[in-house]
C-alpha atoms as a PDB file:
ATOM      1  CA  MET A   1     -44.356  21.066 -19.757  1.00  0.00           C
ATOM      2  CA  GLU A   2     -41.249  23.020 -20.616  1.00  0.00           C
ATOM      3  CA  ASP A   3     -41.330  24.896 -17.219  1.00  0.00           C
ATOM      4  CA  LYS A   4     -41.092  21.518 -15.431  1.00  0.00           C
ATOM      5  CA  SER A   5     -38.278  20.313 -17.625  1.00  0.00           C
ATOM      6  CA  PHE A   6     -36.499  23.598 -17.106  1.00  0.00           C
ATOM      7  CA  GLU A   7     -37.016  23.496 -13.215  1.00  0.00           C
ATOM      8  CA  THR A   8     -35.657  19.864 -13.079  1.00  0.00           C
ATOM      9  CA  ARG A   9     -32.704  20.763 -15.119  1.00  0.00           C
ATOM     10  CA  LEU A  10     -32.070  23.806 -12.996  1.00  0.00           C
ATOM     11  CA  GLN A  11     -32.304  21.658  -9.927  1.00  0.00           C
ATOM     12  CA  HIS A  12     -29.915  19.153 -11.289  1.00  0.00           C
ATOM     13  CA  LEU A  13     -27.393  21.797 -12.151  1.00  0.00           C
ATOM     14  CA  GLU A  14     -27.757  23.336  -8.624  1.00  0.00           C
ATOM     15  CA  ASN A  15     -26.965  19.815  -7.183  1.00  0.00           C
ATOM     16  CA  ARG A  16     -24.018  19.355  -9.433  1.00  0.00           C
ATOM     17  CA  LEU A  17     -22.560  22.791  -8.423  1.00  0.00           C
ATOM     18  CA  LYS A  18     -22.837  22.010  -4.796  1.00  0.00           C
ATOM     19  CA  THR A  19     -20.546  18.879  -5.173  1.00  0.00           C
ATOM     20  CA  PRO A  20     -16.798  19.455  -5.755  1.00  0.00           C
ATOM     21  CA  TYR A  21     -15.619  18.814  -9.221  1.00  0.00           C
ATOM     22  CA  TYR A  22     -13.163  16.186  -8.414  1.00  0.00           C
ATOM     23  CA  THR A  23     -15.914  14.099  -6.642  1.00  0.00           C
ATOM     24  CA  ARG A  24     -18.317  14.523  -9.637  1.00  0.00           C
ATOM     25  CA  ARG A  25     -15.453  13.506 -12.160  1.00  0.00           C
ATOM     26  CA  VAL A  26     -13.987  10.626 -10.406  1.00  0.00           C
ATOM     27  CA  GLY A  27     -16.860   9.502  -8.042  1.00  0.00           C
ATOM     28  CA  LEU A  28     -14.453   9.084  -5.088  1.00  0.00           C
ATOM     29  CA  SER A  29     -13.449  11.344  -2.352  1.00  0.00           C
ATOM     30  CA  ARG A  30      -9.744  12.408  -1.951  1.00  0.00           C
ATOM     31  CA  GLN A  31      -9.300   9.797   0.932  1.00  0.00           C
ATOM     32  CA  GLU A  32     -10.783   6.943  -1.230  1.00  0.00           C
ATOM     33  CA  ASN A  33      -8.932   7.693  -4.506  1.00  0.00           C
ATOM     34  CA  PRO A  34      -6.235   5.027  -5.004  1.00  0.00           C
ATOM     35  CA  LEU A  35      -4.151   7.458  -7.101  1.00  0.00           C
ATOM     36  CA  ILE A  36      -3.850  10.024  -4.441  1.00  0.00           C
ATOM     37  CA  ARG A  37      -3.316   7.485  -1.835  1.00  0.00           C
ATOM     38  CA  GLY A  38      -0.659   5.559  -3.846  1.00  0.00           C
ATOM     39  CA  GLY A  39       1.371   8.776  -4.414  1.00  0.00           C
ATOM     40  CA  ILE A  40       1.195   9.628  -0.767  1.00  0.00           C
ATOM     41  CA  GLU A  41       2.422   6.077   0.145  1.00  0.00           C
ATOM     42  CA  PHE A  42       5.252   6.243  -2.341  1.00  0.00           C
ATOM     43  CA  PHE A  43       6.309   9.669  -1.297  1.00  0.00           C
ATOM     44  CA  SER A  44       6.082   8.991   2.450  1.00  0.00           C
ATOM     45  CA  GLY A  45       8.296   5.816   1.967  1.00  0.00           C
ATOM     46  CA  VAL A  46      10.945   7.799   0.082  1.00  0.00           C
ATOM     47  CA  ALA A  47      10.867  10.844   2.329  1.00  0.00           C
ATOM     48  CA  ALA A  48      11.146   8.729   5.580  1.00  0.00           C
ATOM     49  CA  ASN A  49      14.105   6.828   4.337  1.00  0.00           C
ATOM     50  CA  MET A  50      15.689   9.896   3.088  1.00  0.00           C
ATOM     51  CA  LEU A  51      15.387  11.576   6.396  1.00  0.00           C
ATOM     52  CA  LEU A  52      16.944   8.427   8.076  1.00  0.00           C
ATOM     53  CA  GLY A  53      19.781   8.666   5.448  1.00  0.00           C
ATOM     54  CA  ILE A  54      20.448  12.195   6.548  1.00  0.00           C
ATOM     55  CA  ALA A  55      20.650  11.320  10.087  1.00  0.00           C
ATOM     56  CA  VAL A  56      22.982   8.457   9.342  1.00  0.00           C
ATOM     57  CA  ASP A  57      25.193  10.753   7.353  1.00  0.00           C
ATOM     58  CA  LYS A  58      25.316  13.163  10.163  1.00  0.00           C
ATOM     59  CA  TYR A  59      26.071  10.613  12.863  1.00  0.00           C
ATOM     60  CA  TRP A  60      28.860   8.672  11.019  1.00  0.00           C
ATOM     61  CA  HIS A  61      30.043  11.624   8.809  1.00  0.00           C
ATOM     62  CA  THR A  62      29.464   9.460   5.503  1.00  0.00           C
ATOM     63  CA  TYR A  63      27.912  12.199   3.322  1.00  0.00           C
ATOM     64  CA  PRO A  64      26.378  11.375   0.623  1.00  0.00           C
ATOM     65  CA  TYR A  65      26.558   7.567   0.928  1.00  0.00           C
ATOM     66  CA  GLY A  66      23.925   7.109   3.556  1.00  0.00           C
ATOM     67  CA  LEU A  67      21.510   9.496   1.822  1.00  0.00           C
ATOM     68  CA  VAL A  68      22.079   7.694  -1.521  1.00  0.00           C
ATOM     69  CA  ILE A  69      21.560   4.355  -0.110  1.00  0.00           C
ATOM     70  CA  MET A  70      18.581   5.176   1.926  1.00  0.00           C
ATOM     71  CA  PHE A  71      17.055   7.019  -1.003  1.00  0.00           C
ATOM     72  CA  LEU A  72      17.164   3.695  -3.028  1.00  0.00           C
ATOM     73  CA  VAL A  73      15.839   1.833  -0.002  1.00  0.00           C
ATOM     74  CA  GLY A  74      13.086   4.390   0.117  1.00  0.00           C
ATOM     75  CA  ILE A  75      12.220   3.949  -3.581  1.00  0.00           C
ATOM     76  CA  CYS A  76      11.904   0.237  -2.906  1.00  0.00           C
ATOM     77  CA  THR A  77       9.805   0.843   0.221  1.00  0.00           C
ATOM     78  CA  GLY A  78       7.562   3.135  -1.787  1.00  0.00           C
ATOM     79  CA  PHE A  79       7.039   0.512  -4.545  1.00  0.00           C
ATOM     80  CA  VAL A  80       6.252  -2.208  -1.920  1.00  0.00           C
ATOM     81  CA  ASN A  81       3.689   0.195  -0.190  1.00  0.00           C
ATOM     82  CA  VAL A  82       1.983   0.850  -3.623  1.00  0.00           C
ATOM     83  CA  PHE A  83       2.107  -2.835  -4.572  1.00  0.00           C
ATOM     84  CA  ARG A  84       0.302  -3.715  -1.245  1.00  0.00           C
ATOM     85  CA  LEU A  85      -2.170  -0.976  -1.802  1.00  0.00           C
ATOM     86  CA  VAL A  86      -2.925  -2.274  -5.311  1.00  0.00           C
ATOM     87  CA  ASN A  87      -3.183  -5.801  -4.257  1.00  0.00           C
ATOM     88  CA  LYS A  88      -5.533  -5.094  -1.258  1.00  0.00           C
ATOM     89  CA  LYS A  89      -8.678  -6.979  -1.411  1.00  0.00           C
ATOM     90  CA  PRO A  90     -11.837  -4.696  -1.260  1.00  0.00           C
ATOM     91  CA  ARG A  91     -14.084  -4.769   1.767  1.00  0.00           C
ATOM     92  CA  SER A  92     -17.215  -6.781   1.246  1.00  0.00           C
END
């Protein structure tokens, strides 16, 4: 009886080792995890607006005002993106 129990535990351990630690722990893949997706949404909003702010500063020679203003707009955009992500209704 113990050999069968040992074999099943060994098989279970092998199956666990085949799956990545992150997937075992959270139960979601990296694309499905709302924390990672929220971080990417926030960062992309801030980064895109900062790049736009740098372009505005170079075009109108207004350094650092365009960068600062677009950084603040980027933070607002990032929060709106995360808010939309959190309030999205799940697929049924």
